[in-house]
Amino acid sequence: MNRFPLVEAAGSAYDMGYAHGAQAAPLIERYLGHIEKTTGRNRTSLSAGALTYVPRIKALSPAYLDEVRGLADGAGLSFEEAMICQVRGAAPLPMAPAIDGCTAFAITGEGTAEGRTYAGQNQDLGPEFSDFGIVLHLLPNDGRPRVVTFTFAGQLGYMGMNEHGVAHFANGLGNAPWQPGLTHYPLKRRCFELRNVAECVDLLRRYRTSSAGNMVFCDGAGGIADVEIRPDGIAVYDDEHPCRRMHTNHYVTAEFAPHEDGNSPDSAPRLDRLRALVAASWGDITLERLKQILADHEGDPGAICRHGAGGSYSIAGYIADPSAGVLHVRRGLGCSGTWTEYIV
């Protein structure tokens, strides 16, 4: 089947990490090899850099370090090697600039046919990233919520949804020199432990990241938000339409727009096209219509469904349906990939 491998992990933080590592060991090794190749550094050097992030991750959640220890034991790695997966794109672990696009949205019930809130995205990267993607289903025994997340093997979390309907998706943003801070991945995982969008925005206000990015949120109560993130702080984007949030790969908030340098020239046309497609179906948007929007080709090869603009392809897609407790994950291009449902 054309779907990402499913890794199911339950129990304590260590137990979940161990199950993840044991089930995904070959893919984790492949992911680490990719990081070595793209950084031009050996694993010893990468490990030393990764360890500098341990205090920041511990301050965010000591349980994550227990999970990394379990991950290492399950995959037959050192703790330091397992840490590389949590910080892959951040200095002092330099990588070649990531080729990504990503088109994300959140829409409340006012815009949909059945009054449902949806959020999702196309994830646009180099095609090799599909080789180490997994769907990770986490069932903690310590009171934290259940989670389904798409992530790269060995990485504790990325995009997805928790049992409270808190879902988030991401867009790359540029023109932000690295500064000491958290990588985005632990913060994304921490959002899955919260109950609503407001708590997620508050979390992002309290922790500084080492690089820029954007996050689009929804929750089970119909809340939505769009937050641009830079090492110096965050800016919440309020769309002119209060029942929708949409974002691609350029700054749109008044606070951060001066940082925009136009390094993703197809970003603004993609956002315009997304807005037009959503507006054309407003009030009648369904899950299937959203899948069609993520497959749209106007503006190829830099369309919503990307086919190689700048070396970037829509390798995956996600749609969260909080009211049903289901995360829909697509492997492959928007126009030809296969969608699979995962119950949180």
Protein backbone atom coordinates (compact mmCIF):
# COMPACT_ATOMS: atom_id res chain seq x y z
CA MET A 1 0.00 0.00 0.00
CA ASN A 2 1.15 3.53 -0.75
CA ARG A 3 1.18 4.71 2.86
CA PHE A 4 3.83 5.71 5.35
CA PRO A 5 4.87 3.04 7.86
CA LEU A 6 2.77 3.14 11.02
CA VAL A 7 4.64 3.04 14.33
CA GLU A 8 2.52 2.49 17.44
CA ALA A 9 4.03 3.27 20.82
CA ALA A 10 2.40 3.13 24.26
CA GLY A 11 3.36 3.41 27.93
CA SER A 12 5.90 5.59 29.68
CA ALA A 13 8.06 8.12 27.86
CA TYR A 14 10.92 5.62 27.78
CA ASP A 15 8.62 2.82 26.59
CA MET A 16 7.23 4.94 23.75
CA GLY A 17 10.72 5.89 22.65
CA TYR A 18 11.88 2.27 22.78
CA ALA A 19 8.93 1.07 20.68
CA HIS A 20 9.54 3.86 18.15
CA GLY A 21 13.23 3.00 17.90
CA ALA A 22 12.72 -0.76 17.67
CA GLN A 23 10.05 -0.53 14.97
CA ALA A 24 11.72 2.14 12.86
CA ALA A 25 15.44 1.34 13.33
CA PRO A 26 16.30 0.94 9.61
CA LEU A 27 14.51 4.18 8.71
CA ILE A 28 16.21 6.04 11.57
CA GLU A 29 19.58 4.89 10.27
CA ARG A 30 18.61 6.12 6.80
CA TYR A 31 17.55 9.48 8.24
CA LEU A 32 20.82 9.88 10.11
CA GLY A 33 22.70 9.04 6.93
CA HIS A 34 20.79 11.76 5.11
CA ILE A 35 21.71 14.30 7.82
CA GLU A 36 25.38 13.30 7.55
CA LYS A 37 25.27 13.67 3.78
CA THR A 38 23.55 17.06 3.74
CA THR A 39 25.74 18.55 6.48
CA GLY A 40 29.01 17.08 5.28
CA ARG A 41 29.81 16.13 8.89
CA ASN A 42 30.36 12.77 10.49
CA ARG A 43 28.18 11.43 13.26
CA THR A 44 30.66 12.18 16.02
CA SER A 45 30.69 15.86 15.12
CA LEU A 46 26.91 15.93 14.73
CA SER A 47 26.44 14.26 18.11
CA ALA A 48 28.53 16.88 19.88
CA GLY A 49 26.40 19.64 18.38
CA ALA A 50 23.15 17.88 19.24
CA LEU A 51 24.09 17.61 22.91
CA THR A 52 24.16 21.41 23.23
CA TYR A 53 20.34 21.35 22.90
CA VAL A 54 19.78 18.97 25.82
CA PRO A 55 19.33 21.70 28.48
CA ARG A 56 16.72 23.54 26.41
CA ILE A 57 14.73 20.38 25.70
CA LYS A 58 14.95 19.37 29.35
CA ALA A 59 13.54 22.77 30.37
CA LEU A 60 10.64 22.23 27.97
CA SER A 61 9.92 18.64 29.03
CA PRO A 62 12.25 16.22 30.86
CA ALA A 63 10.05 13.39 29.56
CA TYR A 64 11.36 14.03 26.05
CA LEU A 65 14.88 13.13 27.12
CA ASP A 66 13.56 9.88 28.60
CA GLU A 67 11.86 9.22 25.28
CA VAL A 68 15.10 9.91 23.40
CA ARG A 69 16.90 7.44 25.69
CA GLY A 70 14.28 4.83 24.90
CA LEU A 71 14.54 5.64 21.20
CA ALA A 72 18.29 5.14 21.31
CA ASP A 73 18.03 1.79 23.11
CA GLY A 74 15.29 0.53 20.81
CA ALA A 75 17.19 1.46 17.65
CA GLY A 76 20.62 0.40 18.92
CA LEU A 77 22.01 3.93 18.89
CA SER A 78 23.76 6.15 21.39
CA PHE A 79 21.75 8.87 23.15
CA GLU A 80 23.81 11.44 21.25
CA GLU A 81 22.90 9.91 17.88
CA ALA A 82 19.22 9.83 18.79
CA MET A 83 19.46 13.51 19.73
CA ILE A 84 20.63 14.38 16.20
CA CYS A 85 17.14 13.54 14.93
CA GLN A 86 15.59 16.14 17.25
CA VAL A 87 17.70 19.06 16.00
CA ARG A 88 18.50 18.12 12.40
CA GLY A 89 18.11 21.54 10.80
CA ALA A 90 19.57 23.83 13.45
CA ALA A 91 23.00 25.28 14.06
CA PRO A 92 25.39 24.14 15.32
CA LEU A 93 24.24 21.36 12.95
CA PRO A 94 24.33 23.21 9.63
CA MET A 95 22.52 21.61 6.72
CA ALA A 96 22.11 22.56 3.10
CA PRO A 97 19.13 24.93 2.91
CA ALA A 98 15.92 22.88 3.03
CA ILE A 99 13.96 22.87 -0.20
CA ASP A 100 10.42 23.35 0.95
CA GLY A 101 7.22 25.05 0.02
CA CYS A 102 4.19 23.98 2.07
CA THR A 103 0.67 25.35 1.78
CA ALA A 104 -1.39 25.29 5.01
CA PHE A 105 -4.92 26.22 6.05
CA ALA A 106 -7.43 26.20 8.92
CA ILE A 107 -11.16 26.73 8.33
CA THR A 108 -13.94 26.89 10.90
CA GLY A 109 -17.43 25.43 10.55
CA GLU A 110 -18.85 28.58 8.95
CA GLY A 111 -17.04 27.71 5.75
CA THR A 112 -17.76 23.99 5.60
CA ALA A 113 -20.75 21.97 4.46
CA GLU A 114 -21.31 20.20 7.78
CA GLY A 115 -20.11 22.86 10.19
CA ARG A 116 -16.82 21.01 10.78
CA THR A 117 -13.48 22.63 11.51
CA TYR A 118 -10.60 21.46 9.31
CA ALA A 119 -6.89 22.22 9.16
CA GLY A 120 -4.16 20.77 7.00
CA GLN A 121 -1.42 21.26 4.47
CA ASN A 122 0.72 19.99 1.65
CA GLN A 123 4.24 19.28 2.84
CA ASP A 124 6.69 20.20 0.12
CA LEU A 125 10.27 18.96 0.31
CA GLY A 126 12.90 17.17 -1.71
CA PRO A 127 11.57 13.73 -2.78
CA GLU A 128 14.12 11.86 -0.64
CA PHE A 129 12.28 12.90 2.54
CA SER A 130 9.50 10.49 1.69
CA ASP A 131 11.93 7.62 2.28
CA PHE A 132 12.07 8.13 6.05
CA GLY A 133 8.60 9.48 6.83
CA ILE A 134 6.43 7.59 9.34
CA VAL A 135 3.06 7.99 11.05
CA LEU A 136 3.63 7.78 14.81
CA HIS A 137 0.68 6.87 17.06
CA LEU A 138 1.47 7.67 20.69
CA LEU A 139 -0.55 6.42 23.67
CA PRO A 140 1.10 7.75 26.86
CA ASN A 141 0.18 6.20 30.22
CA ASP A 142 1.01 9.33 32.24
CA GLY A 143 -2.09 11.41 31.52
CA ARG A 144 -0.80 13.14 28.40
CA PRO A 145 -3.14 13.02 25.37
CA ARG A 146 -3.05 10.44 22.61
CA VAL A 147 -1.39 11.73 19.43
CA VAL A 148 -1.13 10.82 15.76
CA THR A 149 1.73 12.65 14.06
CA PHE A 150 3.55 12.45 10.77
CA THR A 151 7.25 12.73 11.44
CA PHE A 152 10.62 11.53 10.24
CA ALA A 153 11.87 8.28 11.76
CA GLY A 154 13.62 9.04 15.05
CA GLN A 155 12.07 12.50 15.43
CA LEU A 156 9.66 12.74 18.37
CA GLY A 157 6.97 14.66 16.50
CA TYR A 158 6.05 16.97 13.66
CA MET A 159 2.57 17.60 12.16
CA GLY A 160 -0.63 15.94 13.38
CA MET A 161 -3.41 15.98 16.00
CA ASN A 162 -4.07 14.97 19.59
CA GLU A 163 -7.19 13.51 21.22
CA HIS A 164 -8.49 17.00 22.09
CA GLY A 165 -8.50 17.95 18.41
CA VAL A 166 -5.44 20.19 18.76
CA ALA A 167 -3.77 19.98 15.37
CA HIS A 168 -0.98 21.99 13.82
CA PHE A 169 0.77 22.28 10.48
CA ALA A 170 3.82 24.18 9.31
CA ASN A 171 5.33 26.46 6.69
CA GLY A 172 8.99 27.31 6.26
CA LEU A 173 9.99 30.98 6.54
CA GLY A 174 13.36 32.52 5.82
CA ASN A 175 15.56 35.55 6.43
CA ALA A 176 16.20 34.75 10.10
CA PRO A 177 19.84 34.08 11.04
CA TRP A 178 20.21 31.26 13.54
CA GLN A 179 20.17 32.20 17.21
CA PRO A 180 20.43 30.02 20.33
CA GLY A 181 17.04 28.52 21.13
CA LEU A 182 14.85 25.46 20.74
CA THR A 183 14.47 23.69 17.45
CA HIS A 184 10.88 23.65 16.23
CA TYR A 185 10.33 19.89 16.63
CA PRO A 186 10.17 19.67 20.44
CA LEU A 187 7.83 22.68 20.53
CA LYS A 188 5.56 21.05 17.96
CA ARG A 189 5.45 17.91 20.08
CA ARG A 190 4.72 19.94 23.21
CA CYS A 191 1.69 21.51 21.50
CA PHE A 192 0.21 18.01 21.27
CA GLU A 193 0.03 17.94 25.07
CA LEU A 194 -2.27 20.97 25.23
CA ARG A 195 -6.07 21.30 25.10
CA ASN A 196 -6.72 24.26 22.81
CA VAL A 197 -5.27 26.74 20.37
CA ALA A 198 -4.92 29.51 22.97
CA GLU A 199 -2.61 27.33 25.07
CA CYS A 200 -0.49 26.61 22.00
CA VAL A 201 -0.09 30.29 21.15
CA ASP A 202 0.88 31.00 24.76
CA LEU A 203 3.50 28.26 24.60
CA LEU A 204 5.05 29.82 21.51
CA ARG A 205 5.17 33.20 23.25
CA ARG A 206 7.13 31.73 26.15
CA TYR A 207 9.85 29.83 24.27
CA ARG A 208 12.33 31.18 21.75
CA THR A 209 13.28 29.16 18.67
CA SER A 210 16.60 29.08 16.84
CA SER A 211 15.06 29.68 13.41
CA ALA A 212 11.94 30.98 11.65
CA GLY A 213 8.74 29.15 10.69
CA ASN A 214 4.95 29.38 10.69
CA MET A 215 2.33 27.23 12.43
CA VAL A 216 -1.37 26.91 11.60
CA PHE A 217 -3.61 25.52 14.37
CA CYS A 218 -7.08 24.21 15.05
CA ASP A 219 -8.72 22.51 18.03
CA GLY A 220 -11.75 20.45 18.93
CA ALA A 221 -13.77 23.49 20.01
CA GLY A 222 -13.46 25.19 16.62
CA GLY A 223 -10.53 27.43 17.50
CA ILE A 224 -8.01 28.34 14.78
CA ALA A 225 -4.82 30.40 14.66
CA ASP A 226 -1.85 31.23 12.44
CA VAL A 227 1.44 32.17 14.09
CA GLU A 228 4.64 33.38 12.46
CA ILE A 229 7.69 32.49 14.55
CA ARG A 230 11.13 34.05 14.60
CA PRO A 231 13.99 33.76 17.08
CA ASP A 232 13.06 37.19 18.45
CA GLY A 233 9.37 36.38 19.04
CA ILE A 234 6.05 35.59 17.38
CA ALA A 235 3.35 37.42 15.45
CA VAL A 236 -0.24 36.17 15.29
CA TYR A 237 -1.87 36.61 11.88
CA ASP A 238 -5.51 37.66 11.83
CA ASP A 239 -6.91 37.04 8.37
CA GLU A 240 -9.47 39.55 7.09
CA HIS A 241 -11.95 36.69 7.30
CA PRO A 242 -12.19 35.58 10.97
CA CYS A 243 -13.17 31.99 10.07
CA ARG A 244 -10.10 31.08 8.06
CA ARG A 245 -6.32 31.10 8.28
CA MET A 246 -4.05 30.33 5.31
CA HIS A 247 -0.30 30.53 4.89
CA THR A 248 2.48 29.63 2.46
CA ASN A 249 6.16 30.62 2.65
CA HIS A 250 6.35 34.36 3.01
CA TYR A 251 5.67 36.69 5.94
CA VAL A 252 2.14 38.09 6.01
CA THR A 253 1.90 39.71 9.46
CA ALA A 254 2.40 43.45 9.78
CA GLU A 255 5.07 42.85 12.42
CA PHE A 256 7.24 40.54 10.33
CA ALA A 257 6.49 41.61 6.73
CA PRO A 258 9.59 43.87 6.71
CA HIS A 259 11.71 40.71 7.00
CA GLU A 260 10.35 39.32 3.72
CA ASP A 261 13.07 38.99 1.06
CA GLY A 262 11.17 37.20 -1.70
CA ASN A 263 13.31 34.06 -1.58
CA SER A 264 10.26 31.89 -2.38
CA PRO A 265 8.82 33.57 -5.51
CA ASP A 266 5.93 31.13 -5.96
CA SER A 267 4.71 31.60 -2.38
CA ALA A 268 2.46 34.63 -2.92
CA PRO A 269 0.78 33.14 -6.04
CA ARG A 270 0.13 29.91 -4.14
CA LEU A 271 -1.48 31.80 -1.28
CA ASP A 272 -3.61 33.82 -3.69
CA ARG A 273 -4.74 30.63 -5.41
CA LEU A 274 -5.54 28.93 -2.10
CA ARG A 275 -7.62 31.92 -0.99
CA ALA A 276 -9.50 31.93 -4.30
CA LEU A 277 -10.30 28.21 -4.17
CA VAL A 278 -11.48 28.39 -0.56
CA ALA A 279 -13.62 31.46 -1.29
CA ALA A 280 -15.21 29.75 -4.31
CA SER A 281 -16.41 26.85 -2.13
CA TRP A 282 -17.14 28.82 1.04
CA GLY A 283 -20.03 27.32 2.97
CA ASP A 284 -19.81 24.07 1.03
CA ILE A 285 -16.26 22.92 1.80
CA THR A 286 -15.94 19.20 2.45
CA LEU A 287 -13.07 16.87 3.18
CA GLU A 288 -13.04 15.77 -0.45
CA ARG A 289 -13.00 19.37 -1.66
CA LEU A 290 -9.98 20.09 0.52
CA LYS A 291 -8.19 17.09 -0.99
CA GLN A 292 -8.94 18.51 -4.43
CA ILE A 293 -7.58 21.91 -3.41
CA LEU A 294 -4.33 20.28 -2.27
CA ALA A 295 -4.14 18.67 -5.73
CA ASP A 296 -4.59 21.94 -7.64
CA HIS A 297 -2.12 22.51 -10.48
CA GLU A 298 -2.64 26.12 -11.52
CA GLY A 299 0.79 27.70 -11.65
CA ASP A 300 2.75 24.47 -12.20
CA PRO A 301 5.42 23.59 -11.24
CA GLY A 302 5.02 25.95 -8.26
CA ALA A 303 1.33 25.26 -7.75
CA ILE A 304 -0.41 24.13 -4.55
CA CYS A 305 0.45 20.58 -5.70
CA ARG A 306 4.12 21.12 -6.40
CA HIS A 307 5.96 19.14 -9.06
CA GLY A 308 9.54 20.24 -8.70
CA ALA A 309 9.65 24.03 -8.51
CA GLY A 310 13.04 24.68 -6.92
CA GLY A 311 13.45 20.93 -6.42
CA SER A 312 10.42 20.76 -4.12
CA TYR A 313 7.60 18.22 -4.39
CA SER A 314 4.36 17.72 -2.43
CA ILE A 315 5.59 14.48 -0.85
CA ALA A 316 2.76 14.35 1.70
CA GLY A 317 -0.47 16.00 2.75
CA TYR A 318 -2.52 16.13 5.96
CA ILE A 319 -6.06 17.11 6.91
CA ALA A 320 -7.18 17.12 10.55
CA ASP A 321 -10.87 16.51 11.29
CA PRO A 322 -11.12 17.23 15.04
CA SER A 323 -14.84 16.50 15.31
CA ALA A 324 -14.25 12.94 14.07
CA GLY A 325 -10.94 12.46 15.87
CA VAL A 326 -9.32 11.53 12.55
CA LEU A 327 -6.09 12.63 10.91
CA HIS A 328 -5.99 12.05 7.15
CA VAL A 329 -2.47 11.51 5.79
CA ARG A 330 -1.51 11.37 2.13
CA ARG A 331 1.66 9.77 0.85
CA GLY A 332 2.73 11.19 -2.49
CA LEU A 333 1.66 14.07 -4.68
CA GLY A 334 -1.65 15.76 -4.14
CA CYS A 335 -2.85 14.66 -7.57
CA SER A 336 -1.80 11.01 -7.36
CA GLY A 337 -1.00 10.10 -3.75
CA THR A 338 -3.00 7.82 -1.47
CA TRP A 339 -4.95 9.09 1.57
CA THR A 340 -5.19 7.00 4.76
CA GLU A 341 -7.30 7.69 7.85
CA TYR A 342 -5.79 7.45 11.34
CA ILE A 343 -8.05 7.52 14.39
CA VAL A 344 -6.42 9.36 17.26
